[in-house]
Amino acid sequence: MKLIVKPWNIWWWRHLFAPRSSYNGEVKWRTVVWCRLRNHPSGVWYYTSYGLKPNMHCRICGDDLG
């Protein structure tokens, strides 16, 4: 598990504690922060049967990665 820590960058801290989108309303806030700390390890959803069209939302927390 690789944590990306950049405490000198104010934009990283703003991203880490930014509000959640309506897409992931059922996910707890601490899960979103933990997933952002780990740089979204599971990647994006592919919602076709062949996996060709990305949804661009994280599988764990639902953050928009696009």
PDB file of N, CA and C in Angstrom:
ATOM      1  N   MET A   1       0.847  -1.167   0.000  1.00  0.00           N
ATOM      2  CA  MET A   1       0.000   0.000   0.000  1.00  0.00           C
ATOM      3  C   MET A   1       0.895   1.233   0.000  1.00  0.00           C
ATOM      4  N   LYS A   2       0.699   2.079  -0.975  1.00  0.00           N
ATOM      5  CA  LYS A   2       1.520   3.267  -1.132  1.00  0.00           C
ATOM      6  C   LYS A   2       0.683   4.507  -0.843  1.00  0.00           C
ATOM      7  N   LEU A   3       1.058   5.254   0.181  1.00  0.00           N
ATOM      8  CA  LEU A   3       0.370   6.494   0.502  1.00  0.00           C
ATOM      9  C   LEU A   3       1.094   7.646  -0.162  1.00  0.00           C
ATOM     10  N   ILE A   4       0.338   8.537  -0.747  1.00  0.00           N
ATOM     11  CA  ILE A   4       0.913   9.714  -1.366  1.00  0.00           C
ATOM     12  C   ILE A   4       0.716  10.871  -0.402  1.00  0.00           C
ATOM     13  N   VAL A   5       1.781  11.331   0.211  1.00  0.00           N
ATOM     14  CA  VAL A   5       1.700  12.394   1.201  1.00  0.00           C
ATOM     15  C   VAL A   5       2.465  13.605   0.680  1.00  0.00           C
ATOM     16  N   LYS A   6       1.762  14.709   0.515  1.00  0.00           N
ATOM     17  CA  LYS A   6       2.358  15.958   0.056  1.00  0.00           C
ATOM     18  C   LYS A   6       1.893  17.088   0.970  1.00  0.00           C
ATOM     19  N   PRO A   7       2.357  17.126   2.194  1.00  0.00           N
ATOM     20  CA  PRO A   7       1.829  18.113   3.140  1.00  0.00           C
ATOM     21  C   PRO A   7       2.175  19.551   2.787  1.00  0.00           C
ATOM     22  N   TRP A   8       3.128  19.777   1.906  1.00  0.00           N
ATOM     23  CA  TRP A   8       3.511  21.137   1.542  1.00  0.00           C
ATOM     24  C   TRP A   8       2.614  21.726   0.463  1.00  0.00           C
ATOM     25  N   ASN A   9       1.760  20.945  -0.130  1.00  0.00           N
ATOM     26  CA  ASN A   9       0.926  21.385  -1.236  1.00  0.00           C
ATOM     27  C   ASN A   9      -0.505  21.632  -0.750  1.00  0.00           C
ATOM     28  N   ILE A  10      -0.936  22.876  -0.728  1.00  0.00           N
ATOM     29  CA  ILE A  10      -2.274  23.230  -0.232  1.00  0.00           C
ATOM     30  C   ILE A  10      -3.377  22.645  -1.114  1.00  0.00           C
ATOM     31  N   TRP A  11      -3.108  22.511  -2.405  1.00  0.00           N
ATOM     32  CA  TRP A  11      -4.131  21.959  -3.308  1.00  0.00           C
ATOM     33  C   TRP A  11      -4.388  20.489  -3.024  1.00  0.00           C
ATOM     34  N   TRP A  12      -3.372  19.750  -2.589  1.00  0.00           N
ATOM     35  CA  TRP A  12      -3.557  18.349  -2.244  1.00  0.00           C
ATOM     36  C   TRP A  12      -4.453  18.230  -1.016  1.00  0.00           C
ATOM     37  N   TRP A  13      -4.239  19.088  -0.014  1.00  0.00           N
ATOM     38  CA  TRP A  13      -5.083  19.067   1.179  1.00  0.00           C
ATOM     39  C   TRP A  13      -6.515  19.461   0.841  1.00  0.00           C
ATOM     40  N   ARG A  14      -6.705  20.406  -0.070  1.00  0.00           N
ATOM     41  CA  ARG A  14      -8.066  20.775  -0.482  1.00  0.00           C
ATOM     42  C   ARG A  14      -8.758  19.623  -1.185  1.00  0.00           C
ATOM     43  N   HIS A  15      -8.024  18.899  -2.009  1.00  0.00           N
ATOM     44  CA  HIS A  15      -8.605  17.734  -2.685  1.00  0.00           C
ATOM     45  C   HIS A  15      -8.944  16.639  -1.675  1.00  0.00           C
ATOM     46  N   LEU A  16      -8.070  16.438  -0.712  1.00  0.00           N
ATOM     47  CA  LEU A  16      -8.275  15.375   0.270  1.00  0.00           C
ATOM     48  C   LEU A  16      -9.555  15.578   1.070  1.00  0.00           C
ATOM     49  N   PHE A  17      -9.846  16.816   1.446  1.00  0.00           N
ATOM     50  CA  PHE A  17     -11.022  17.098   2.263  1.00  0.00           C
ATOM     51  C   PHE A  17     -12.134  17.797   1.482  1.00  0.00           C
ATOM     52  N   ALA A  18     -12.124  17.686   0.170  1.00  0.00           N
ATOM     53  CA  ALA A  18     -13.182  18.278  -0.654  1.00  0.00           C
ATOM     54  C   ALA A  18     -14.496  17.539  -0.416  1.00  0.00           C
ATOM     55  N   PRO A  19     -15.614  18.216  -0.602  1.00  0.00           N
ATOM     56  CA  PRO A  19     -16.906  17.539  -0.414  1.00  0.00           C
ATOM     57  C   PRO A  19     -17.121  16.437  -1.452  1.00  0.00           C
ATOM     58  N   ARG A  20     -17.919  15.467  -1.056  1.00  0.00           N
ATOM     59  CA  ARG A  20     -18.230  14.361  -1.952  1.00  0.00           C
ATOM     60  C   ARG A  20     -19.263  14.790  -2.985  1.00  0.00           C
ATOM     61  N   SER A  21     -19.259  14.111  -4.108  1.00  0.00           N
ATOM     62  CA  SER A  21     -20.275  14.379  -5.117  1.00  0.00           C
ATOM     63  C   SER A  21     -21.556  13.633  -4.750  1.00  0.00           C
ATOM     64  N   SER A  22     -22.628  13.920  -5.449  1.00  0.00           N
ATOM     65  CA  SER A  22     -23.902  13.241  -5.170  1.00  0.00           C
ATOM     66  C   SER A  22     -23.845  11.784  -5.602  1.00  0.00           C
ATOM     67  N   TYR A  23     -22.913  11.441  -6.472  1.00  0.00           N
ATOM     68  CA  TYR A  23     -22.780  10.066  -6.964  1.00  0.00           C
ATOM     69  C   TYR A  23     -22.463   9.092  -5.828  1.00  0.00           C
ATOM     70  N   ASN A  24     -21.627   9.506  -4.876  1.00  0.00           N
ATOM     71  CA  ASN A  24     -21.208   8.596  -3.813  1.00  0.00           C
ATOM     72  C   ASN A  24     -21.797   8.993  -2.465  1.00  0.00           C
ATOM     73  N   GLY A  25     -23.039   9.372  -2.431  1.00  0.00           N
ATOM     74  CA  GLY A  25     -23.675   9.789  -1.195  1.00  0.00           C
ATOM     75  C   GLY A  25     -23.812   8.685  -0.167  1.00  0.00           C
ATOM     76  N   GLU A  26     -23.837   7.430  -0.585  1.00  0.00           N
ATOM     77  CA  GLU A  26     -24.005   6.329   0.355  1.00  0.00           C
ATOM     78  C   GLU A  26     -22.677   5.883   0.973  1.00  0.00           C
ATOM     79  N   VAL A  27     -21.563   6.398   0.483  1.00  0.00           N
ATOM     80  CA  VAL A  27     -20.246   6.038   1.000  1.00  0.00           C
ATOM     81  C   VAL A  27     -19.878   6.988   2.135  1.00  0.00           C
ATOM     82  N   LYS A  28     -19.304   6.453   3.194  1.00  0.00           N
ATOM     83  CA  LYS A  28     -18.932   7.291   4.331  1.00  0.00           C
ATOM     84  C   LYS A  28     -17.772   8.208   3.974  1.00  0.00           C
ATOM     85  N   TRP A  29     -17.723   9.348   4.632  1.00  0.00           N
ATOM     86  CA  TRP A  29     -16.722  10.360   4.343  1.00  0.00           C
ATOM     87  C   TRP A  29     -15.305   9.856   4.614  1.00  0.00           C
ATOM     88  N   ARG A  30     -15.123   9.078   5.688  1.00  0.00           N
ATOM     89  CA  ARG A  30     -13.784   8.578   6.000  1.00  0.00           C
ATOM     90  C   ARG A  30     -13.301   7.575   4.952  1.00  0.00           C
ATOM     91  N   THR A  31     -14.213   6.870   4.311  1.00  0.00           N
ATOM     92  CA  THR A  31     -13.837   5.966   3.231  1.00  0.00           C
ATOM     93  C   THR A  31     -13.327   6.752   2.030  1.00  0.00           C
ATOM     94  N   VAL A  32     -13.974   7.876   1.746  1.00  0.00           N
ATOM     95  CA  VAL A  32     -13.545   8.722   0.630  1.00  0.00           C
ATOM     96  C   VAL A  32     -12.153   9.291   0.899  1.00  0.00           C
ATOM     97  N   VAL A  33     -11.909   9.782   2.110  1.00  0.00           N
ATOM     98  CA  VAL A  33     -10.596  10.345   2.445  1.00  0.00           C
ATOM     99  C   VAL A  33      -9.523   9.264   2.373  1.00  0.00           C
ATOM    100  N   TRP A  34      -9.809   8.073   2.887  1.00  0.00           N
ATOM    101  CA  TRP A  34      -8.837   6.982   2.858  1.00  0.00           C
ATOM    102  C   TRP A  34      -8.530   6.563   1.420  1.00  0.00           C
ATOM    103  N   CYS A  35      -9.527   6.529   0.578  1.00  0.00           N
ATOM    104  CA  CYS A  35      -9.322   6.174  -0.826  1.00  0.00           C
ATOM    105  C   CYS A  35      -8.505   7.252  -1.542  1.00  0.00           C
ATOM    106  N   ARG A  36      -8.760   8.512  -1.234  1.00  0.00           N
ATOM    107  CA  ARG A  36      -7.977   9.597  -1.827  1.00  0.00           C
ATOM    108  C   ARG A  36      -6.533   9.554  -1.359  1.00  0.00           C
ATOM    109  N   LEU A  37      -6.303   9.198  -0.101  1.00  0.00           N
ATOM    110  CA  LEU A  37      -4.933   9.064   0.401  1.00  0.00           C
ATOM    111  C   LEU A  37      -4.160   7.987  -0.356  1.00  0.00           C
ATOM    112  N   ARG A  38      -4.857   6.911  -0.718  1.00  0.00           N
ATOM    113  CA  ARG A  38      -4.204   5.806  -1.417  1.00  0.00           C
ATOM    114  C   ARG A  38      -4.212   5.985  -2.931  1.00  0.00           C
ATOM    115  N   ASN A  39      -4.702   7.128  -3.417  1.00  0.00           N
ATOM    116  CA  ASN A  39      -4.732   7.459  -4.846  1.00  0.00           C
ATOM    117  C   ASN A  39      -5.659   6.519  -5.638  1.00  0.00           C
ATOM    118  N   HIS A  40      -6.797   6.190  -5.075  1.00  0.00           N
ATOM    119  CA  HIS A  40      -7.842   5.387  -5.716  1.00  0.00           C
ATOM    120  C   HIS A  40      -7.272   4.098  -6.321  1.00  0.00           C
ATOM    121  N   PRO A  41      -6.892   3.131  -5.485  1.00  0.00           N
ATOM    122  CA  PRO A  41      -6.194   1.937  -5.970  1.00  0.00           C
ATOM    123  C   PRO A  41      -7.017   1.024  -6.869  1.00  0.00           C
ATOM    124  N   SER A  42      -8.323   1.052  -6.781  1.00  0.00           N
ATOM    125  CA  SER A  42      -9.115   0.098  -7.574  1.00  0.00           C
ATOM    126  C   SER A  42      -9.397   0.577  -8.991  1.00  0.00           C
ATOM    127  N   GLY A  43      -9.226   1.847  -9.255  1.00  0.00           N
ATOM    128  CA  GLY A  43      -9.440   2.355 -10.607  1.00  0.00           C
ATOM    129  C   GLY A  43     -10.888   2.700 -10.887  1.00  0.00           C
ATOM    130  N   VAL A  44     -11.249   2.738 -12.164  1.00  0.00           N
ATOM    131  CA  VAL A  44     -12.578   3.175 -12.590  1.00  0.00           C
ATOM    132  C   VAL A  44     -13.463   1.984 -12.938  1.00  0.00           C
ATOM    133  N   TRP A  45     -14.771   2.249 -13.004  1.00  0.00           N
ATOM    134  CA  TRP A  45     -15.753   1.242 -13.426  1.00  0.00           C
ATOM    135  C   TRP A  45     -15.782   1.158 -14.943  1.00  0.00           C
ATOM    136  N   TYR A  46     -15.936  -0.042 -15.470  1.00  0.00           N
ATOM    137  CA  TYR A  46     -16.200  -0.247 -16.899  1.00  0.00           C
ATOM    138  C   TYR A  46     -17.561  -0.905 -16.990  1.00  0.00           C
ATOM    139  N   TYR A  47     -18.544  -0.203 -17.540  1.00  0.00           N
ATOM    140  CA  TYR A  47     -19.925  -0.636 -17.390  1.00  0.00           C
ATOM    141  C   TYR A  47     -20.513  -1.338 -18.594  1.00  0.00           C
ATOM    142  N   THR A  48     -19.742  -1.675 -19.610  1.00  0.00           N
ATOM    143  CA  THR A  48     -20.254  -2.496 -20.700  1.00  0.00           C
ATOM    144  C   THR A  48     -19.792  -3.935 -20.488  1.00  0.00           C
ATOM    145  N   SER A  49     -20.409  -4.854 -21.187  1.00  0.00           N
ATOM    146  CA  SER A  49     -20.036  -6.253 -21.023  1.00  0.00           C
ATOM    147  C   SER A  49     -18.622  -6.526 -21.518  1.00  0.00           C
ATOM    148  N   TYR A  50     -18.139  -5.711 -22.448  1.00  0.00           N
ATOM    149  CA  TYR A  50     -16.781  -5.886 -22.954  1.00  0.00           C
ATOM    150  C   TYR A  50     -15.779  -5.012 -22.219  1.00  0.00           C
ATOM    151  N   GLY A  51     -16.236  -4.131 -21.354  1.00  0.00           N
ATOM    152  CA  GLY A  51     -15.355  -3.264 -20.595  1.00  0.00           C
ATOM    153  C   GLY A  51     -14.719  -2.174 -21.438  1.00  0.00           C
ATOM    154  N   LEU A  52     -15.473  -1.635 -22.378  1.00  0.00           N
ATOM    155  CA  LEU A  52     -14.904  -0.648 -23.289  1.00  0.00           C
ATOM    156  C   LEU A  52     -15.253   0.789 -22.943  1.00  0.00           C
ATOM    157  N   LYS A  53     -16.347   1.004 -22.240  1.00  0.00           N
ATOM    158  CA  LYS A  53     -16.775   2.365 -21.930  1.00  0.00           C
ATOM    159  C   LYS A  53     -16.557   2.644 -20.452  1.00  0.00           C
ATOM    160  N   PRO A  54     -15.608   3.499 -20.115  1.00  0.00           N
ATOM    161  CA  PRO A  54     -15.361   3.777 -18.703  1.00  0.00           C
ATOM    162  C   PRO A  54     -16.398   4.715 -18.113  1.00  0.00           C
ATOM    163  N   ASN A  55     -16.728   4.491 -16.869  1.00  0.00           N
ATOM    164  CA  ASN A  55     -17.636   5.343 -16.126  1.00  0.00           C
ATOM    165  C   ASN A  55     -16.882   6.486 -15.467  1.00  0.00           C
ATOM    166  N   MET A  56     -15.572   6.328 -15.248  1.00  0.00           N
ATOM    167  CA  MET A  56     -14.671   7.319 -14.676  1.00  0.00           C
ATOM    168  C   MET A  56     -15.013   7.685 -13.235  1.00  0.00           C
ATOM    169  N   HIS A  57     -15.612   6.773 -12.491  1.00  0.00           N
ATOM    170  CA  HIS A  57     -15.821   6.938 -11.055  1.00  0.00           C
ATOM    171  C   HIS A  57     -15.068   5.820 -10.345  1.00  0.00           C
ATOM    172  N   CYS A  58     -14.481   6.136  -9.210  1.00  0.00           N
ATOM    173  CA  CYS A  58     -13.714   5.160  -8.440  1.00  0.00           C
ATOM    174  C   CYS A  58     -14.642   4.035  -7.957  1.00  0.00           C
ATOM    175  N   ARG A  59     -14.141   2.824  -7.967  1.00  0.00           N
ATOM    176  CA  ARG A  59     -14.944   1.684  -7.527  1.00  0.00           C
ATOM    177  C   ARG A  59     -15.212   1.694  -6.036  1.00  0.00           C
ATOM    178  N   ILE A  60     -14.288   2.207  -5.247  1.00  0.00           N
ATOM    179  CA  ILE A  60     -14.435   2.180  -3.790  1.00  0.00           C
ATOM    180  C   ILE A  60     -15.272   3.339  -3.283  1.00  0.00           C
ATOM    181  N   CYS A  61     -14.881   4.555  -3.660  1.00  0.00           N
ATOM    182  CA  CYS A  61     -15.498   5.737  -3.047  1.00  0.00           C
ATOM    183  C   CYS A  61     -16.448   6.486  -3.980  1.00  0.00           C
ATOM    184  N   GLY A  62     -16.400   6.228  -5.266  1.00  0.00           N
ATOM    185  CA  GLY A  62     -17.292   6.902  -6.198  1.00  0.00           C
ATOM    186  C   GLY A  62     -16.824   8.264  -6.636  1.00  0.00           C
ATOM    187  N   ASP A  63     -15.596   8.666  -6.299  1.00  0.00           N
ATOM    188  CA  ASP A  63     -15.062   9.949  -6.745  1.00  0.00           C
ATOM    189  C   ASP A  63     -14.948   9.979  -8.264  1.00  0.00           C
ATOM    190  N   ASP A  64     -15.240  11.137  -8.840  1.00  0.00           N
ATOM    191  CA  ASP A  64     -15.111  11.287 -10.286  1.00  0.00           C
ATOM    192  C   ASP A  64     -13.639  11.441 -10.638  1.00  0.00           C
ATOM    193  N   LEU A  65     -13.087  10.478 -11.372  1.00  0.00           N
ATOM    194  CA  LEU A  65     -11.661  10.492 -11.730  1.00  0.00           C
ATOM    195  C   LEU A  65     -11.425  11.038 -13.130  1.00  0.00           C
ATOM    196  N   GLY A  66     -12.470  11.458 -13.787  1.00  0.00           N
ATOM    197  CA  GLY A  66     -12.341  11.939 -15.162  1.00  0.00           C
ATOM    198  C   GLY A  66     -12.201  13.378 -15.204  1.00  0.00           C
TER     199      GLY A  66
END
